[in-house]
Amino acid sequence: MALNENNQEAITREEVKKNKKTREKKKRIRVRLIPIWLRIMIVVLLLAASVVLGAMFGYAVMGGGEAKDVFEKSTWSHIIDLVNRE
C-alpha cells in the first residue's frame, strides 16, 4: 500500500512539473504603454537638456558669466583655446 502512495506521489510530482513547463512555454504578451523608440527619444532629450542646463548653471553661477552666453560660439572657442593651450 505504501508503494502505491509513493507511485501516486511520483505521478503527481511529474504532473506538477509538466504543468509548470507548459505554463513557462506560454509567453505572456506584454503591452507597453510607452514604446521603446519613444523611451530612447525621451532619454536622449533629457540627456541633452541636462547637458545644456548644467553648462548654463556652471557658466552663470560658478563662472560668474551670464547664462545666455553659453549659446555663443565665441564662448566655446575661448574654452577650447584654454583647454588646448599647454
Protein backbone atom coordinates (compact mmCIF):
# COMPACT_ATOMS: atom_id res chain seq x y z
CA MET A 1 0.00 0.00 0.00
CA ALA A 2 2.90 2.36 0.70
CA LEU A 3 4.31 1.72 -2.75
CA ASN A 4 1.05 2.78 -4.33
CA GLU A 5 1.07 6.00 -2.38
CA ASN A 6 4.68 6.68 -3.39
CA ASN A 7 3.86 5.96 -7.01
CA GLN A 8 0.90 8.31 -6.84
CA GLU A 9 3.11 10.98 -5.31
CA ALA A 10 5.68 10.48 -8.05
CA ILE A 11 3.00 10.76 -10.72
CA THR A 12 1.59 13.82 -9.03
CA ARG A 13 5.04 15.44 -8.89
CA GLU A 14 5.62 14.63 -12.55
CA GLU A 15 2.28 16.18 -13.43
CA VAL A 16 3.17 19.27 -11.46
CA LYS A 17 6.47 19.54 -13.35
CA LYS A 18 4.67 19.13 -16.69
CA ASN A 19 2.12 21.76 -15.75
CA LYS A 20 4.90 24.10 -14.72
CA LYS A 21 6.70 23.58 -18.04
CA THR A 22 3.55 24.23 -20.04
CA ARG A 23 2.97 27.43 -18.06
CA GLU A 24 6.54 28.50 -18.80
CA LYS A 25 6.06 27.83 -22.51
CA LYS A 26 3.05 30.12 -22.68
CA LYS A 27 4.51 33.57 -23.21
CA ARG A 28 2.67 36.48 -21.75
CA ILE A 29 2.11 39.20 -24.29
CA ARG A 30 3.30 42.46 -22.79
CA VAL A 31 1.68 45.64 -23.94
CA ARG A 32 3.99 48.59 -23.43
CA LEU A 33 2.39 51.92 -22.67
CA ILE A 34 5.44 53.77 -23.96
CA PRO A 35 7.14 52.20 -26.99
CA ILE A 36 10.88 51.54 -26.87
CA TRP A 37 11.70 54.11 -29.58
CA LEU A 38 9.87 56.77 -27.58
CA ARG A 39 11.73 55.79 -24.40
CA ILE A 40 15.05 56.19 -26.23
CA MET A 41 14.00 59.60 -27.55
CA ILE A 42 12.95 60.72 -24.07
CA VAL A 43 16.31 59.62 -22.61
CA VAL A 44 18.23 61.44 -25.36
CA LEU A 45 16.19 64.62 -24.87
CA LEU A 46 16.62 64.52 -21.09
CA LEU A 47 20.36 63.97 -21.51
CA ALA A 48 20.65 66.93 -23.90
CA ALA A 49 18.59 69.13 -21.58
CA SER A 50 20.74 68.19 -18.58
CA VAL A 51 23.95 69.00 -20.51
CA VAL A 52 22.62 72.40 -21.59
CA LEU A 53 21.26 73.27 -18.15
CA GLY A 54 24.47 72.10 -16.49
CA ALA A 55 26.57 74.26 -18.81
CA MET A 56 24.32 77.25 -18.15
CA PHE A 57 24.49 76.71 -14.40
CA GLY A 58 28.24 76.21 -14.41
CA TYR A 59 28.94 79.25 -16.57
CA ALA A 60 26.48 81.58 -14.85
CA VAL A 61 26.62 80.60 -11.19
CA MET A 62 30.08 79.15 -10.80
CA GLY A 63 31.83 81.10 -13.54
CA GLY A 64 30.27 84.47 -12.91
CA GLY A 65 29.06 84.98 -16.50
CA GLU A 66 25.59 85.23 -17.95
CA ALA A 67 23.66 82.06 -18.65
CA LYS A 68 22.76 83.04 -22.22
CA ASP A 69 26.46 83.40 -23.12
CA VAL A 70 26.71 79.60 -23.16
CA PHE A 71 24.98 79.59 -26.55
CA GLU A 72 27.53 81.87 -28.22
CA LYS A 73 30.24 80.36 -30.40
CA SER A 74 32.90 82.72 -29.07
CA THR A 75 32.46 81.33 -25.55
CA TRP A 76 33.13 77.76 -26.67
CA SER A 77 36.04 78.73 -28.90
CA HIS A 78 37.58 80.53 -25.89
CA ILE A 79 37.05 77.45 -23.68
CA ILE A 80 38.61 75.18 -26.33
CA ASP A 81 41.58 77.56 -26.61
CA LEU A 82 42.07 77.43 -22.84
CA VAL A 83 41.93 73.64 -22.81
CA ASN A 84 44.27 73.16 -25.78
CA ARG A 85 46.86 75.66 -24.54
CA GLU A 86 49.62 73.81 -22.75
